[in-house]
PDB file of N, CA and C in Angstrom:
ATOM      1  N   MET A   1      49.043 127.290  96.453  1.00  0.00           N
ATOM      2  CA  MET A   1      49.506 126.967  95.114  1.00  0.00           C
ATOM      3  C   MET A   1      51.025 127.096  95.034  1.00  0.00           C
ATOM      4  N   SER A   2      51.590 128.076  95.676  1.00  0.00           N
ATOM      5  CA  SER A   2      53.027 128.297  95.637  1.00  0.00           C
ATOM      6  C   SER A   2      53.773 127.136  96.295  1.00  0.00           C
ATOM      7  N   LYS A   3      53.211 126.603  97.390  1.00  0.00           N
ATOM      8  CA  LYS A   3      53.866 125.485  98.068  1.00  0.00           C
ATOM      9  C   LYS A   3      53.845 124.237  97.184  1.00  0.00           C
ATOM     10  N   ASN A   4      52.769 124.042  96.458  1.00  0.00           N
ATOM     11  CA  ASN A   4      52.680 122.879  95.576  1.00  0.00           C
ATOM     12  C   ASN A   4      53.729 122.949  94.470  1.00  0.00           C
ATOM     13  N   ILE A   5      53.922 124.139  93.927  1.00  0.00           N
ATOM     14  CA  ILE A   5      54.922 124.299  92.862  1.00  0.00           C
ATOM     15  C   ILE A   5      56.314 124.049  93.417  1.00  0.00           C
ATOM     16  N   LYS A   6      56.609 124.543  94.610  1.00  0.00           N
ATOM     17  CA  LYS A   6      57.916 124.325  95.229  1.00  0.00           C
ATOM     18  C   LYS A   6      58.133 122.840  95.518  1.00  0.00           C
ATOM     19  N   LEU A   7      57.108 122.170  96.008  1.00  0.00           N
ATOM     20  CA  LEU A   7      57.231 120.745  96.297  1.00  0.00           C
ATOM     21  C   LEU A   7      57.468 119.939  95.020  1.00  0.00           C
ATOM     22  N   LEU A   8      56.750 120.280  93.962  1.00  0.00           N
ATOM     23  CA  LEU A   8      56.953 119.584  92.687  1.00  0.00           C
ATOM     24  C   LEU A   8      58.354 119.848  92.133  1.00  0.00           C
ATOM     25  N   GLY A   9      58.807 121.077  92.280  1.00  0.00           N
ATOM     26  CA  GLY A   9      60.154 121.418  91.823  1.00  0.00           C
ATOM     27  C   GLY A   9      61.219 120.661  92.601  1.00  0.00           C
ATOM     28  N   MET A  10      61.060 120.577  93.919  1.00  0.00           N
ATOM     29  CA  MET A  10      62.025 119.844  94.745  1.00  0.00           C
ATOM     30  C   MET A  10      61.995 118.344  94.415  1.00  0.00           C
ATOM     31  N   LEU A  11      60.800 117.815  94.222  1.00  0.00           N
ATOM     32  CA  LEU A  11      60.672 116.402  93.873  1.00  0.00           C
ATOM     33  C   LEU A  11      61.336 116.117  92.524  1.00  0.00           C
ATOM     34  N   GLY A  12      61.120 116.993  91.555  1.00  0.00           N
ATOM     35  CA  GLY A  12      61.748 116.830  90.243  1.00  0.00           C
ATOM     36  C   GLY A  12      63.259 116.902  90.330  1.00  0.00           C
ATOM     37  N   LEU A  13      63.764 117.822  91.140  1.00  0.00           N
ATOM     38  CA  LEU A  13      65.215 117.950  91.321  1.00  0.00           C
ATOM     39  C   LEU A  13      65.792 116.696  91.956  1.00  0.00           C
ATOM     40  N   MET A  14      65.086 116.150  92.939  1.00  0.00           N
ATOM     41  CA  MET A  14      65.565 114.936  93.595  1.00  0.00           C
ATOM     42  C   MET A  14      65.582 113.757  92.622  1.00  0.00           C
ATOM     43  N   VAL A  15      64.585 113.686  91.744  1.00  0.00           N
ATOM     44  CA  VAL A  15      64.537 112.605  90.761  1.00  0.00           C
ATOM     45  C   VAL A  15      65.701 112.730  89.783  1.00  0.00           C
ATOM     46  N   VAL A  16      65.993 113.936  89.343  1.00  0.00           N
ATOM     47  CA  VAL A  16      67.101 114.149  88.401  1.00  0.00           C
ATOM     48  C   VAL A  16      68.437 113.803  89.057  1.00  0.00           C
ATOM     49  N   VAL A  17      68.631 114.223  90.293  1.00  0.00           N
ATOM     50  CA  VAL A  17      69.891 113.929  90.997  1.00  0.00           C
ATOM     51  C   VAL A  17      70.040 112.425  91.201  1.00  0.00           C
ATOM     52  N   ALA A  18      68.961 111.748  91.563  1.00  0.00           N
ATOM     53  CA  ALA A  18      69.025 110.299  91.768  1.00  0.00           C
ATOM     54  C   ALA A  18      69.323 109.573  90.457  1.00  0.00           C
ATOM     55  N   ALA A  19      68.742 110.036  89.363  1.00  0.00           N
ATOM     56  CA  ALA A  19      68.983 109.400  88.067  1.00  0.00           C
ATOM     57  C   ALA A  19      70.421 109.604  87.624  1.00  0.00           C
ATOM     58  N   CYS A  20      70.975 110.774  87.842  1.00  0.00           N
ATOM     59  CA  CYS A  20      72.355 111.046  87.441  1.00  0.00           C
ATOM     60  C   CYS A  20      73.333 110.265  88.312  1.00  0.00           C
ATOM     61  N   ALA A  21      73.039 110.136  89.585  1.00  0.00           N
ATOM     62  CA  ALA A  21      73.939 109.409  90.476  1.00  0.00           C
ATOM     63  C   ALA A  21      73.978 107.928  90.113  1.00  0.00           C
ATOM     64  N   ARG A  22      72.887 107.371  89.638  1.00  0.00           N
ATOM     65  CA  ARG A  22      72.829 105.956  89.296  1.00  0.00           C
ATOM     66  C   ARG A  22      73.642 105.671  88.036  1.00  0.00           C
ATOM     67  N   GLU A  23      73.742 106.602  87.099  1.00  0.00           N
ATOM     68  CA  GLU A  23      74.447 106.368  85.838  1.00  0.00           C
ATOM     69  C   GLU A  23      75.958 106.414  85.998  1.00  0.00           C
ATOM     70  N   GLN A  24      76.479 106.962  87.070  1.00  0.00           N
ATOM     71  CA  GLN A  24      77.910 107.160  87.213  1.00  0.00           C
ATOM     72  C   GLN A  24      78.596 105.996  87.905  1.00  0.00           C
ATOM     73  N   GLN A  25      78.006 104.832  87.907  1.00  0.00           N
ATOM     74  CA  GLN A  25      78.640 103.676  88.515  1.00  0.00           C
ATOM     75  C   GLN A  25      79.844 103.281  87.670  1.00  0.00           C
ATOM     76  N   VAL A  26      80.934 103.006  88.349  1.00  0.00           N
ATOM     77  CA  VAL A  26      82.176 102.666  87.663  1.00  0.00           C
ATOM     78  C   VAL A  26      82.266 101.151  87.539  1.00  0.00           C
ATOM     79  N   GLU A  27      82.517 100.696  86.320  1.00  0.00           N
ATOM     80  CA  GLU A  27      82.676  99.271  86.104  1.00  0.00           C
ATOM     81  C   GLU A  27      84.135  98.897  86.352  1.00  0.00           C
ATOM     82  N   GLU A  28      84.343  97.813  87.076  1.00  0.00           N
ATOM     83  CA  GLU A  28      85.697  97.364  87.350  1.00  0.00           C
ATOM     84  C   GLU A  28      86.166  96.447  86.226  1.00  0.00           C
ATOM     85  N   PHE A  29      87.436  96.525  85.908  1.00  0.00           N
ATOM     86  CA  PHE A  29      88.002  95.604  84.944  1.00  0.00           C
ATOM     87  C   PHE A  29      89.292  95.057  85.520  1.00  0.00           C
ATOM     88  N   VAL A  30      89.566  93.821  85.200  1.00  0.00           N
ATOM     89  CA  VAL A  30      90.715  93.126  85.749  1.00  0.00           C
ATOM     90  C   VAL A  30      91.673  92.808  84.620  1.00  0.00           C
ATOM     91  N   VAL A  31      92.941  93.135  84.816  1.00  0.00           N
ATOM     92  CA  VAL A  31      93.970  92.834  83.829  1.00  0.00           C
ATOM     93  C   VAL A  31      94.686  91.575  84.292  1.00  0.00           C
ATOM     94  N   VAL A  32      94.682  90.556  83.451  1.00  0.00           N
ATOM     95  CA  VAL A  32      95.307  89.283  83.789  1.00  0.00           C
ATOM     96  C   VAL A  32      96.533  89.106  82.912  1.00  0.00           C
ATOM     97  N   ASP A  33      97.670  88.832  83.551  1.00  0.00           N
ATOM     98  CA  ASP A  33      98.885  88.581  82.785  1.00  0.00           C
ATOM     99  C   ASP A  33      98.779  87.209  82.125  1.00  0.00           C
ATOM    100  N   PRO A  34      99.050  87.118  80.832  1.00  0.00           N
ATOM    101  CA  PRO A  34      98.970  85.813  80.166  1.00  0.00           C
ATOM    102  C   PRO A  34     100.111  84.901  80.625  1.00  0.00           C
ATOM    103  N   GLU A  35      99.859  83.614  80.616  1.00  0.00           N
ATOM    104  CA  GLU A  35     100.895  82.667  80.993  1.00  0.00           C
ATOM    105  C   GLU A  35     101.962  82.639  79.895  1.00  0.00           C
ATOM    106  N   PRO A  36     103.210  82.469  80.290  1.00  0.00           N
ATOM    107  CA  PRO A  36     104.265  82.426  79.263  1.00  0.00           C
ATOM    108  C   PRO A  36     104.096  81.197  78.373  1.00  0.00           C
ATOM    109  N   ILE A  37     104.390  81.385  77.110  1.00  0.00           N
ATOM    110  CA  ILE A  37     104.251  80.294  76.146  1.00  0.00           C
ATOM    111  C   ILE A  37     105.516  79.447  76.204  1.00  0.00           C
ATOM    112  N   SER A  38     105.346  78.160  76.459  1.00  0.00           N
ATOM    113  CA  SER A  38     106.514  77.280  76.529  1.00  0.00           C
ATOM    114  C   SER A  38     106.853  76.787  75.120  1.00  0.00           C
ATOM    115  N   GLN A  39     108.141  76.663  74.851  1.00  0.00           N
ATOM    116  CA  GLN A  39     108.582  76.196  73.544  1.00  0.00           C
ATOM    117  C   GLN A  39     108.671  74.677  73.555  1.00  0.00           C
ATOM    118  N   GLU A  40     108.359  74.087  72.423  1.00  0.00           N
ATOM    119  CA  GLU A  40     108.472  72.637  72.308  1.00  0.00           C
ATOM    120  C   GLU A  40     109.949  72.266  72.206  1.00  0.00           C
ATOM    121  N   PRO A  41     110.315  71.112  72.723  1.00  0.00           N
ATOM    122  CA  PRO A  41     111.731  70.704  72.650  1.00  0.00           C
ATOM    123  C   PRO A  41     112.171  70.535  71.199  1.00  0.00           C
ATOM    124  N   VAL A  42     113.397  70.909  70.952  1.00  0.00           N
ATOM    125  CA  VAL A  42     113.948  70.836  69.601  1.00  0.00           C
ATOM    126  C   VAL A  42     114.506  69.428  69.373  1.00  0.00           C
ATOM    127  N   PHE A  43     114.215  68.862  68.212  1.00  0.00           N
ATOM    128  CA  PHE A  43     114.714  67.533  67.878  1.00  0.00           C
ATOM    129  C   PHE A  43     116.198  67.647  67.546  1.00  0.00           C
ATOM    130  N   THR A  44     117.012  66.880  68.268  1.00  0.00           N
ATOM    131  CA  THR A  44     118.461  66.938  68.047  1.00  0.00           C
ATOM    132  C   THR A  44     118.985  65.758  67.225  1.00  0.00           C
ATOM    133  N   GLY A  45     118.132  64.773  66.964  1.00  0.00           N
ATOM    134  CA  GLY A  45     118.566  63.627  66.172  1.00  0.00           C
ATOM    135  C   GLY A  45     119.155  62.545  67.029  1.00  0.00           C
ATOM    136  N   LYS A  46     119.231  62.708  68.332  1.00  0.00           N
ATOM    137  CA  LYS A  46     119.811  61.717  69.211  1.00  0.00           C
ATOM    138  C   LYS A  46     118.735  61.152  70.118  1.00  0.00           C
ATOM    139  N   TYR A  47     118.859  59.865  70.420  1.00  0.00           N
ATOM    140  CA  TYR A  47     117.939  59.256  71.379  1.00  0.00           C
ATOM    141  C   TYR A  47     118.566  59.287  72.759  1.00  0.00           C
ATOM    142  N   LYS A  48     117.776  59.528  73.728  1.00  0.00           N
ATOM    143  CA  LYS A  48     118.339  59.550  75.088  1.00  0.00           C
ATOM    144  C   LYS A  48     117.834  58.396  75.869  1.00  0.00           C
TER     145      LYS A  48
END
């Protein structure tokens, strides 16, 4: 009976450790620099 209790305890501990290890996965995120905004040409009143 004592061995069964120890085995169940070890199995339970292994399940808890496995569950905790699975939750700690780190999600990666990527920072993207935005493209510079180009300005529209200014109307000068002259034709080229």
